[in-house]
Amino acid sequence: MNRTKTKHKYVELDENHVPTIAGTTMKVIELVTGQMAHGWSPEELHCQHPYLSMGQIHSALAYYWDNKEELDADIERREQYAQRMRLEAGESPLAKKFAHRL
């Protein structure tokens, strides 16, 4: 797997130019969206992801803030894609089953 170093010690770009945390398969965007969704501090992120060092977490968060506009646009694209997929999939058979029981 080819990786490109960035100016952030623990952030690398994978072969698709997606920023990932060095030594892991975790994307920076995954860490950031978890923080956004739950309001976690770096210490809480470490509790949720104990395999990440505090240095890796802070480096990933610094990368996000240094590239906020680009990563926020990627987050928005991902959310729109997920919404489209939910709409195309329709209601799940399990949800239909429970809806009829109510």
PDB file of N, CA and C in Angstrom:
ATOM      1  N   MET A   1       0.841  -1.175   0.000  1.00  0.00           N
ATOM      2  CA  MET A   1       0.000   0.000   0.000  1.00  0.00           C
ATOM      3  C   MET A   1       0.891   1.244   0.000  1.00  0.00           C
ATOM      4  N   ASN A   2       0.732   2.102  -0.980  1.00  0.00           N
ATOM      5  CA  ASN A   2       1.522   3.324  -1.076  1.00  0.00           C
ATOM      6  C   ASN A   2       0.910   4.406  -0.208  1.00  0.00           C
ATOM      7  N   ARG A   3       1.750   5.029   0.588  1.00  0.00           N
ATOM      8  CA  ARG A   3       1.296   6.113   1.451  1.00  0.00           C
ATOM      9  C   ARG A   3       2.213   7.306   1.262  1.00  0.00           C
ATOM     10  N   THR A   4       1.621   8.490   1.330  1.00  0.00           N
ATOM     11  CA  THR A   4       2.362   9.726   1.185  1.00  0.00           C
ATOM     12  C   THR A   4       2.347  10.463   2.511  1.00  0.00           C
ATOM     13  N   LYS A   5       3.500  10.887   2.960  1.00  0.00           N
ATOM     14  CA  LYS A   5       3.599  11.627   4.213  1.00  0.00           C
ATOM     15  C   LYS A   5       2.998  13.018   4.040  1.00  0.00           C
ATOM     16  N   THR A   6       2.538  13.577   5.146  1.00  0.00           N
ATOM     17  CA  THR A   6       2.047  14.953   5.185  1.00  0.00           C
ATOM     18  C   THR A   6       2.911  15.709   6.188  1.00  0.00           C
ATOM     19  N   LYS A   7       2.652  16.990   6.355  1.00  0.00           N
ATOM     20  CA  LYS A   7       3.406  17.756   7.351  1.00  0.00           C
ATOM     21  C   LYS A   7       2.974  17.407   8.770  1.00  0.00           C
ATOM     22  N   HIS A   8       1.904  16.640   8.903  1.00  0.00           N
ATOM     23  CA  HIS A   8       1.425  16.193  10.210  1.00  0.00           C
ATOM     24  C   HIS A   8       2.034  14.818  10.487  1.00  0.00           C
ATOM     25  N   LYS A   9       2.768  14.727  11.576  1.00  0.00           N
ATOM     26  CA  LYS A   9       3.589  13.552  11.877  1.00  0.00           C
ATOM     27  C   LYS A   9       2.836  12.229  11.746  1.00  0.00           C
ATOM     28  N   TYR A  10       1.599  12.176  12.199  1.00  0.00           N
ATOM     29  CA  TYR A  10       0.872  10.906  12.232  1.00  0.00           C
ATOM     30  C   TYR A  10      -0.237  10.809  11.188  1.00  0.00           C
ATOM     31  N   VAL A  11      -0.167  11.620  10.162  1.00  0.00           N
ATOM     32  CA  VAL A  11      -1.185  11.561   9.106  1.00  0.00           C
ATOM     33  C   VAL A  11      -0.504  11.296   7.771  1.00  0.00           C
ATOM     34  N   GLU A  12      -1.041  10.305   7.060  1.00  0.00           N
ATOM     35  CA  GLU A  12      -0.546   9.954   5.734  1.00  0.00           C
ATOM     36  C   GLU A  12      -1.717   9.938   4.760  1.00  0.00           C
ATOM     37  N   LEU A  13      -1.422  10.118   3.499  1.00  0.00           N
ATOM     38  CA  LEU A  13      -2.435  10.000   2.457  1.00  0.00           C
ATOM     39  C   LEU A  13      -2.312   8.604   1.855  1.00  0.00           C
ATOM     40  N   ASP A  14      -3.440   7.907   1.746  1.00  0.00           N
ATOM     41  CA  ASP A  14      -3.381   6.575   1.133  1.00  0.00           C
ATOM     42  C   ASP A  14      -3.330   6.712  -0.381  1.00  0.00           C
ATOM     43  N   GLU A  15      -3.401   5.591  -1.081  1.00  0.00           N
ATOM     44  CA  GLU A  15      -3.266   5.614  -2.542  1.00  0.00           C
ATOM     45  C   GLU A  15      -4.377   6.410  -3.231  1.00  0.00           C
ATOM     46  N   ASN A  16      -5.491   6.641  -2.530  1.00  0.00           N
ATOM     47  CA  ASN A  16      -6.591   7.452  -3.073  1.00  0.00           C
ATOM     48  C   ASN A  16      -6.551   8.886  -2.554  1.00  0.00           C
ATOM     49  N   HIS A  17      -5.451   9.250  -1.911  1.00  0.00           N
ATOM     50  CA  HIS A  17      -5.249  10.578  -1.329  1.00  0.00           C
ATOM     51  C   HIS A  17      -6.200  10.873  -0.178  1.00  0.00           C
ATOM     52  N   VAL A  18      -6.634   9.823   0.503  1.00  0.00           N
ATOM     53  CA  VAL A  18      -7.491   9.969   1.681  1.00  0.00           C
ATOM     54  C   VAL A  18      -6.586  10.024   2.906  1.00  0.00           C
ATOM     55  N   PRO A  19      -6.731  11.067   3.743  1.00  0.00           N
ATOM     56  CA  PRO A  19      -5.876  11.153   4.925  1.00  0.00           C
ATOM     57  C   PRO A  19      -6.242  10.080   5.955  1.00  0.00           C
ATOM     58  N   THR A  20      -5.235   9.312   6.346  1.00  0.00           N
ATOM     59  CA  THR A  20      -5.416   8.260   7.340  1.00  0.00           C
ATOM     60  C   THR A  20      -4.403   8.464   8.459  1.00  0.00           C
ATOM     61  N   ILE A  21      -4.704   7.876   9.602  1.00  0.00           N
ATOM     62  CA  ILE A  21      -3.801   7.957  10.741  1.00  0.00           C
ATOM     63  C   ILE A  21      -2.706   6.914  10.535  1.00  0.00           C
ATOM     64  N   ALA A  22      -1.462   7.369  10.528  1.00  0.00           N
ATOM     65  CA  ALA A  22      -0.312   6.510  10.249  1.00  0.00           C
ATOM     66  C   ALA A  22      -0.310   5.279  11.151  1.00  0.00           C
ATOM     67  N   GLY A  23      -0.031   4.139  10.542  1.00  0.00           N
ATOM     68  CA  GLY A  23       0.032   2.890  11.277  1.00  0.00           C
ATOM     69  C   GLY A  23      -1.309   2.240  11.508  1.00  0.00           C
ATOM     70  N   THR A  24      -2.370   2.848  10.970  1.00  0.00           N
ATOM     71  CA  THR A  24      -3.727   2.314  11.129  1.00  0.00           C
ATOM     72  C   THR A  24      -4.444   2.376   9.789  1.00  0.00           C
ATOM     73  N   THR A  25      -5.660   1.863   9.779  1.00  0.00           N
ATOM     74  CA  THR A  25      -6.521   2.020   8.607  1.00  0.00           C
ATOM     75  C   THR A  25      -7.585   3.092   8.856  1.00  0.00           C
ATOM     76  N   MET A  26      -7.525   3.749  10.011  1.00  0.00           N
ATOM     77  CA  MET A  26      -8.535   4.755  10.349  1.00  0.00           C
ATOM     78  C   MET A  26      -8.325   6.032   9.558  1.00  0.00           C
ATOM     79  N   LYS A  27      -9.401   6.476   8.945  1.00  0.00           N
ATOM     80  CA  LYS A  27      -9.377   7.735   8.208  1.00  0.00           C
ATOM     81  C   LYS A  27      -9.528   8.896   9.192  1.00  0.00           C
ATOM     82  N   VAL A  28      -8.858   9.996   8.903  1.00  0.00           N
ATOM     83  CA  VAL A  28      -8.975  11.194   9.742  1.00  0.00           C
ATOM     84  C   VAL A  28     -10.433  11.591   9.853  1.00  0.00           C
ATOM     85  N   ILE A  29     -11.152  11.502   8.750  1.00  0.00           N
ATOM     86  CA  ILE A  29     -12.555  11.912   8.731  1.00  0.00           C
ATOM     87  C   ILE A  29     -13.415  11.064   9.679  1.00  0.00           C
ATOM     88  N   GLU A  30     -13.063   9.796   9.861  1.00  0.00           N
ATOM     89  CA  GLU A  30     -13.810   8.939  10.784  1.00  0.00           C
ATOM     90  C   GLU A  30     -13.628   9.411  12.220  1.00  0.00           C
ATOM     91  N   LEU A  31     -12.411   9.780  12.572  1.00  0.00           N
ATOM     92  CA  LEU A  31     -12.155  10.279  13.916  1.00  0.00           C
ATOM     93  C   LEU A  31     -12.892  11.598  14.140  1.00  0.00           C
ATOM     94  N   VAL A  32     -12.819  12.474  13.163  1.00  0.00           N
ATOM     95  CA  VAL A  32     -13.434  13.798  13.281  1.00  0.00           C
ATOM     96  C   VAL A  32     -14.955  13.698  13.358  1.00  0.00           C
ATOM     97  N   THR A  33     -15.569  12.867  12.531  1.00  0.00           N
ATOM     98  CA  THR A  33     -17.034  12.760  12.572  1.00  0.00           C
ATOM     99  C   THR A  33     -17.486  12.142  13.890  1.00  0.00           C
ATOM    100  N   GLY A  34     -16.693  11.246  14.448  1.00  0.00           N
ATOM    101  CA  GLY A  34     -17.011  10.713  15.777  1.00  0.00           C
ATOM    102  C   GLY A  34     -16.965  11.804  16.825  1.00  0.00           C
ATOM    103  N   GLN A  35     -15.965  12.660  16.723  1.00  0.00           N
ATOM    104  CA  GLN A  35     -15.859  13.770  17.661  1.00  0.00           C
ATOM    105  C   GLN A  35     -17.040  14.729  17.494  1.00  0.00           C
ATOM    106  N   MET A  36     -17.389  15.028  16.255  1.00  0.00           N
ATOM    107  CA  MET A  36     -18.511  15.937  15.994  1.00  0.00           C
ATOM    108  C   MET A  36     -19.830  15.367  16.512  1.00  0.00           C
ATOM    109  N   ALA A  37     -20.054  14.097  16.242  1.00  0.00           N
ATOM    110  CA  ALA A  37     -21.322  13.471  16.609  1.00  0.00           C
ATOM    111  C   ALA A  37     -21.514  13.382  18.119  1.00  0.00           C
ATOM    112  N   HIS A  38     -20.422  13.147  18.837  1.00  0.00           N
ATOM    113  CA  HIS A  38     -20.534  12.901  20.270  1.00  0.00           C
ATOM    114  C   HIS A  38     -19.952  14.013  21.136  1.00  0.00           C
ATOM    115  N   GLY A  39     -19.292  14.972  20.525  1.00  0.00           N
ATOM    116  CA  GLY A  39     -18.692  16.064  21.286  1.00  0.00           C
ATOM    117  C   GLY A  39     -17.523  15.612  22.149  1.00  0.00           C
ATOM    118  N   TRP A  40     -16.821  14.556  21.703  1.00  0.00           N
ATOM    119  CA  TRP A  40     -15.732  13.999  22.495  1.00  0.00           C
ATOM    120  C   TRP A  40     -14.495  14.875  22.480  1.00  0.00           C
ATOM    121  N   SER A  41     -13.843  14.960  23.613  1.00  0.00           N
ATOM    122  CA  SER A  41     -12.535  15.608  23.720  1.00  0.00           C
ATOM    123  C   SER A  41     -11.479  14.642  23.180  1.00  0.00           C
ATOM    124  N   PRO A  42     -10.256  15.113  22.964  1.00  0.00           N
ATOM    125  CA  PRO A  42      -9.202  14.183  22.543  1.00  0.00           C
ATOM    126  C   PRO A  42      -9.027  13.019  23.528  1.00  0.00           C
ATOM    127  N   GLU A  43      -9.165  13.302  24.815  1.00  0.00           N
ATOM    128  CA  GLU A  43      -9.042  12.238  25.821  1.00  0.00           C
ATOM    129  C   GLU A  43     -10.168  11.217  25.685  1.00  0.00           C
ATOM    130  N   GLU A  44     -11.380  11.690  25.414  1.00  0.00           N
ATOM    131  CA  GLU A  44     -12.499  10.765  25.209  1.00  0.00           C
ATOM    132  C   GLU A  44     -12.327   9.968  23.914  1.00  0.00           C
ATOM    133  N   LEU A  45     -11.778  10.617  22.886  1.00  0.00           N
ATOM    134  CA  LEU A  45     -11.480   9.890  21.648  1.00  0.00           C
ATOM    135  C   LEU A  45     -10.498   8.763  21.933  1.00  0.00           C
ATOM    136  N   HIS A  46      -9.515   9.039  22.795  1.00  0.00           N
ATOM    137  CA  HIS A  46      -8.536   8.013  23.152  1.00  0.00           C
ATOM    138  C   HIS A  46      -9.210   6.851  23.897  1.00  0.00           C
ATOM    139  N   CYS A  47     -10.165   7.153  24.764  1.00  0.00           N
ATOM    140  CA  CYS A  47     -10.906   6.084  25.460  1.00  0.00           C
ATOM    141  C   CYS A  47     -11.692   5.240  24.464  1.00  0.00           C
ATOM    142  N   GLN A  48     -12.254   5.874  23.447  1.00  0.00           N
ATOM    143  CA  GLN A  48     -13.034   5.157  22.431  1.00  0.00           C
ATOM    144  C   GLN A  48     -12.141   4.393  21.462  1.00  0.00           C
ATOM    145  N   HIS A  49     -10.940   4.887  21.259  1.00  0.00           N
ATOM    146  CA  HIS A  49      -9.986   4.289  20.316  1.00  0.00           C
ATOM    147  C   HIS A  49      -8.638   4.111  21.022  1.00  0.00           C
ATOM    148  N   PRO A  50      -8.564   3.195  21.976  1.00  0.00           N
ATOM    149  CA  PRO A  50      -7.340   3.063  22.779  1.00  0.00           C
ATOM    150  C   PRO A  50      -6.106   2.633  21.990  1.00  0.00           C
ATOM    151  N   TYR A  51      -6.293   2.140  20.780  1.00  0.00           N
ATOM    152  CA  TYR A  51      -5.166   1.756  19.929  1.00  0.00           C
ATOM    153  C   TYR A  51      -4.498   2.974  19.307  1.00  0.00           C
ATOM    154  N   LEU A  52      -5.116   4.161  19.434  1.00  0.00           N
ATOM    155  CA  LEU A  52      -4.516   5.396  18.936  1.00  0.00           C
ATOM    156  C   LEU A  52      -3.800   6.103  20.082  1.00  0.00           C
ATOM    157  N   SER A  53      -2.622   6.629  19.807  1.00  0.00           N
ATOM    158  CA  SER A  53      -1.921   7.416  20.820  1.00  0.00           C
ATOM    159  C   SER A  53      -2.518   8.824  20.841  1.00  0.00           C
ATOM    160  N   MET A  54      -2.255   9.538  21.919  1.00  0.00           N
ATOM    161  CA  MET A  54      -2.718  10.925  21.983  1.00  0.00           C
ATOM    162  C   MET A  54      -2.042  11.749  20.885  1.00  0.00           C
ATOM    163  N   GLY A  55      -0.796  11.415  20.551  1.00  0.00           N
ATOM    164  CA  GLY A  55      -0.114  12.105  19.457  1.00  0.00           C
ATOM    165  C   GLY A  55      -0.819  11.898  18.133  1.00  0.00           C
ATOM    166  N   GLN A  56      -1.241  10.657  17.866  1.00  0.00           N
ATOM    167  CA  GLN A  56      -1.972  10.370  16.628  1.00  0.00           C
ATOM    168  C   GLN A  56      -3.288  11.142  16.592  1.00  0.00           C
ATOM    169  N   ILE A  57      -3.993  11.178  17.714  1.00  0.00           N
ATOM    170  CA  ILE A  57      -5.282  11.876  17.779  1.00  0.00           C
ATOM    171  C   ILE A  57      -5.091  13.363  17.542  1.00  0.00           C
ATOM    172  N   HIS A  58      -4.152  13.973  18.248  1.00  0.00           N
ATOM    173  CA  HIS A  58      -3.932  15.415  18.087  1.00  0.00           C
ATOM    174  C   HIS A  58      -3.435  15.751  16.687  1.00  0.00           C
ATOM    175  N   SER A  59      -2.607  14.891  16.113  1.00  0.00           N
ATOM    176  CA  SER A  59      -2.124  15.114  14.754  1.00  0.00           C
ATOM    177  C   SER A  59      -3.274  15.058  13.756  1.00  0.00           C
ATOM    178  N   ALA A  60      -4.166  14.080  13.926  1.00  0.00           N
ATOM    179  CA  ALA A  60      -5.327  13.958  13.035  1.00  0.00           C
ATOM    180  C   ALA A  60      -6.248  15.166  13.167  1.00  0.00           C
ATOM    181  N   LEU A  61      -6.466  15.618  14.401  1.00  0.00           N
ATOM    182  CA  LEU A  61      -7.325  16.793  14.600  1.00  0.00           C
ATOM    183  C   LEU A  61      -6.674  18.051  14.024  1.00  0.00           C
ATOM    184  N   ALA A  62      -5.361  18.175  14.160  1.00  0.00           N
ATOM    185  CA  ALA A  62      -4.663  19.322  13.569  1.00  0.00           C
ATOM    186  C   ALA A  62      -4.776  19.280  12.046  1.00  0.00           C
ATOM    187  N   TYR A  63      -4.649  18.078  11.481  1.00  0.00           N
ATOM    188  CA  TYR A  63      -4.795  17.938  10.029  1.00  0.00           C
ATOM    189  C   TYR A  63      -6.192  18.401   9.598  1.00  0.00           C
ATOM    190  N   TYR A  64      -7.197  17.994  10.364  1.00  0.00           N
ATOM    191  CA  TYR A  64      -8.565  18.416  10.043  1.00  0.00           C
ATOM    192  C   TYR A  64      -8.664  19.944  10.038  1.00  0.00           C
ATOM    193  N   TRP A  65      -8.187  20.590  11.099  1.00  0.00           N
ATOM    194  CA  TRP A  65      -8.327  22.042  11.183  1.00  0.00           C
ATOM    195  C   TRP A  65      -7.515  22.756  10.105  1.00  0.00           C
ATOM    196  N   ASP A  66      -6.403  22.175   9.715  1.00  0.00           N
ATOM    197  CA  ASP A  66      -5.608  22.775   8.640  1.00  0.00           C
ATOM    198  C   ASP A  66      -6.224  22.555   7.260  1.00  0.00           C
ATOM    199  N   ASN A  67      -7.155  21.603   7.154  1.00  0.00           N
ATOM    200  CA  ASN A  67      -7.790  21.264   5.875  1.00  0.00           C
ATOM    201  C   ASN A  67      -9.307  21.214   6.022  1.00  0.00           C
ATOM    202  N   LYS A  68      -9.826  22.034   6.911  1.00  0.00           N
ATOM    203  CA  LYS A  68     -11.238  21.994   7.305  1.00  0.00           C
ATOM    204  C   LYS A  68     -12.200  22.109   6.126  1.00  0.00           C
ATOM    205  N   GLU A  69     -11.993  23.050   5.258  1.00  0.00           N
ATOM    206  CA  GLU A  69     -12.925  23.267   4.151  1.00  0.00           C
ATOM    207  C   GLU A  69     -13.034  22.015   3.269  1.00  0.00           C
ATOM    208  N   GLU A  70     -11.903  21.450   2.920  1.00  0.00           N
ATOM    209  CA  GLU A  70     -11.883  20.256   2.071  1.00  0.00           C
ATOM    210  C   GLU A  70     -12.530  19.052   2.778  1.00  0.00           C
ATOM    211  N   LEU A  71     -12.187  18.853   4.051  1.00  0.00           N
ATOM    212  CA  LEU A  71     -12.730  17.701   4.776  1.00  0.00           C
ATOM    213  C   LEU A  71     -14.207  17.882   5.093  1.00  0.00           C
ATOM    214  N   ASP A  72     -14.634  19.110   5.400  1.00  0.00           N
ATOM    215  CA  ASP A  72     -16.068  19.348   5.621  1.00  0.00           C
ATOM    216  C   ASP A  72     -16.862  19.060   4.349  1.00  0.00           C
ATOM    217  N   ALA A  73     -16.315  19.409   3.190  1.00  0.00           N
ATOM    218  CA  ALA A  73     -16.984  19.113   1.918  1.00  0.00           C
ATOM    219  C   ALA A  73     -17.083  17.595   1.723  1.00  0.00           C
ATOM    220  N   ASP A  74     -16.037  16.866   2.103  1.00  0.00           N
ATOM    221  CA  ASP A  74     -16.056  15.407   1.995  1.00  0.00           C
ATOM    222  C   ASP A  74     -17.096  14.819   2.942  1.00  0.00           C
ATOM    223  N   ILE A  75     -17.187  15.348   4.147  1.00  0.00           N
ATOM    224  CA  ILE A  75     -18.201  14.886   5.102  1.00  0.00           C
ATOM    225  C   ILE A  75     -19.589  15.108   4.525  1.00  0.00           C
ATOM    226  N   GLU A  76     -19.815  16.263   3.941  1.00  0.00           N
ATOM    227  CA  GLU A  76     -21.118  16.577   3.342  1.00  0.00           C
ATOM    228  C   GLU A  76     -21.428  15.620   2.189  1.00  0.00           C
ATOM    229  N   ARG A  77     -20.450  15.351   1.333  1.00  0.00           N
ATOM    230  CA  ARG A  77     -20.657  14.406   0.220  1.00  0.00           C
ATOM    231  C   ARG A  77     -21.023  13.023   0.752  1.00  0.00           C
ATOM    232  N   ARG A  78     -20.349  12.594   1.791  1.00  0.00           N
ATOM    233  CA  ARG A  78     -20.622  11.280   2.377  1.00  0.00           C
ATOM    234  C   ARG A  78     -22.036  11.223   2.966  1.00  0.00           C
ATOM    235  N   GLU A  79     -22.441  12.288   3.634  1.00  0.00           N
ATOM    236  CA  GLU A  79     -23.792  12.333   4.218  1.00  0.00           C
ATOM    237  C   GLU A  79     -24.860  12.300   3.121  1.00  0.00           C
ATOM    238  N   GLN A  80     -24.632  13.037   2.057  1.00  0.00           N
ATOM    239  CA  GLN A  80     -25.584  13.034   0.942  1.00  0.00           C
ATOM    240  C   GLN A  80     -25.663  11.659   0.293  1.00  0.00           C
ATOM    241  N   TYR A  81     -24.525  11.005   0.120  1.00  0.00           N
ATOM    242  CA  TYR A  81     -24.502   9.657  -0.449  1.00  0.00           C
ATOM    243  C   TYR A  81     -25.269   8.682   0.449  1.00  0.00           C
ATOM    244  N   ALA A  82     -25.017   8.749   1.738  1.00  0.00           N
ATOM    245  CA  ALA A  82     -25.709   7.850   2.674  1.00  0.00           C
ATOM    246  C   ALA A  82     -27.221   8.086   2.637  1.00  0.00           C
ATOM    247  N   GLN A  83     -27.627   9.327   2.561  1.00  0.00           N
ATOM    248  CA  GLN A  83     -29.056   9.654   2.485  1.00  0.00           C
ATOM    249  C   GLN A  83     -29.671   9.097   1.201  1.00  0.00           C
ATOM    250  N   ARG A  84     -28.975   9.264   0.068  1.00  0.00           N
ATOM    251  CA  ARG A  84     -29.471   8.721  -1.201  1.00  0.00           C
ATOM    252  C   ARG A  84     -29.618   7.205  -1.120  1.00  0.00           C
ATOM    253  N   MET A  85     -28.633   6.543  -0.532  1.00  0.00           N
ATOM    254  CA  MET A  85     -28.675   5.081  -0.419  1.00  0.00           C
ATOM    255  C   MET A  85     -29.837   4.632   0.472  1.00  0.00           C
ATOM    256  N   ARG A  86     -30.092   5.373   1.559  1.00  0.00           N
ATOM    257  CA  ARG A  86     -31.230   5.039   2.435  1.00  0.00           C
ATOM    258  C   ARG A  86     -32.549   5.188   1.683  1.00  0.00           C
ATOM    259  N   LEU A  87     -32.663   6.259   0.911  1.00  0.00           N
ATOM    260  CA  LEU A  87     -33.894   6.483   0.154  1.00  0.00           C
ATOM    261  C   LEU A  87     -34.093   5.414  -0.915  1.00  0.00           C
ATOM    262  N   GLU A  88     -33.015   5.064  -1.616  1.00  0.00           N
ATOM    263  CA  GLU A  88     -33.101   4.041  -2.658  1.00  0.00           C
ATOM    264  C   GLU A  88     -33.420   2.666  -2.079  1.00  0.00           C
ATOM    265  N   ALA A  89     -32.902   2.386  -0.903  1.00  0.00           N
ATOM    266  CA  ALA A  89     -33.129   1.078  -0.279  1.00  0.00           C
ATOM    267  C   ALA A  89     -34.552   0.932   0.236  1.00  0.00           C
ATOM    268  N   GLY A  90     -35.169   2.046   0.595  1.00  0.00           N
ATOM    269  CA  GLY A  90     -36.521   1.992   1.129  1.00  0.00           C
ATOM    270  C   GLY A  90     -36.530   1.414   2.539  1.00  0.00           C
ATOM    271  N   GLU A  91     -37.722   1.171   3.012  1.00  0.00           N
ATOM    272  CA  GLU A  91     -37.884   0.661   4.370  1.00  0.00           C
ATOM    273  C   GLU A  91     -37.441  -0.799   4.439  1.00  0.00           C
ATOM    274  N   SER A  92     -36.731  -1.125   5.487  1.00  0.00           N
ATOM    275  CA  SER A  92     -36.239  -2.496   5.633  1.00  0.00           C
ATOM    276  C   SER A  92     -37.395  -3.433   5.995  1.00  0.00           C
ATOM    277  N   PRO A  93     -37.294  -4.706   5.638  1.00  0.00           N
ATOM    278  CA  PRO A  93     -38.334  -5.675   6.005  1.00  0.00           C
ATOM    279  C   PRO A  93     -38.554  -5.727   7.516  1.00  0.00           C
ATOM    280  N   LEU A  94     -37.505  -5.586   8.290  1.00  0.00           N
ATOM    281  CA  LEU A  94     -37.643  -5.623   9.743  1.00  0.00           C
ATOM    282  C   LEU A  94     -38.427  -4.412  10.241  1.00  0.00           C
ATOM    283  N   ALA A  95     -38.129  -3.234   9.691  1.00  0.00           N
ATOM    284  CA  ALA A  95     -38.863  -2.022  10.088  1.00  0.00           C
ATOM    285  C   ALA A  95     -40.333  -2.156   9.715  1.00  0.00           C
ATOM    286  N   LYS A  96     -40.630  -2.728   8.538  1.00  0.00           N
ATOM    287  CA  LYS A  96     -42.019  -2.932   8.126  1.00  0.00           C
ATOM    288  C   LYS A  96     -42.737  -3.861   9.077  1.00  0.00           C
ATOM    289  N   LYS A  97     -42.050  -4.916   9.470  1.00  0.00           N
ATOM    290  CA  LYS A  97     -42.634  -5.887  10.391  1.00  0.00           C
ATOM    291  C   LYS A  97     -42.997  -5.222  11.715  1.00  0.00           C
ATOM    292  N   PHE A  98     -42.087  -4.410  12.259  1.00  0.00           N
ATOM    293  CA  PHE A  98     -42.358  -3.730  13.526  1.00  0.00           C
ATOM    294  C   PHE A  98     -43.444  -2.664  13.365  1.00  0.00           C
ATOM    295  N   ALA A  99     -43.489  -1.997  12.226  1.00  0.00           N
ATOM    296  CA  ALA A  99     -44.499  -0.959  11.998  1.00  0.00           C
ATOM    297  C   ALA A  99     -45.885  -1.581  11.996  1.00  0.00           C
ATOM    298  N   HIS A 100     -46.028  -2.781  11.457  1.00  0.00           N
ATOM    299  CA  HIS A 100     -47.338  -3.429  11.422  1.00  0.00           C
ATOM    300  C   HIS A 100     -47.776  -3.903  12.801  1.00  0.00           C
ATOM    301  N   ARG A 101     -46.845  -4.091  13.696  1.00  0.00           N
ATOM    302  CA  ARG A 101     -47.182  -4.549  15.054  1.00  0.00           C
ATOM    303  C   ARG A 101     -47.672  -3.411  15.927  1.00  0.00           C
ATOM    304  N   LEU A 102     -47.385  -2.184  15.558  1.00  0.00           N
ATOM    305  CA  LEU A 102     -47.784  -1.033  16.384  1.00  0.00           C
ATOM    306  C   LEU A 102     -49.209  -0.663  16.216  1.00  0.00           C
TER     307      LEU A 102
END
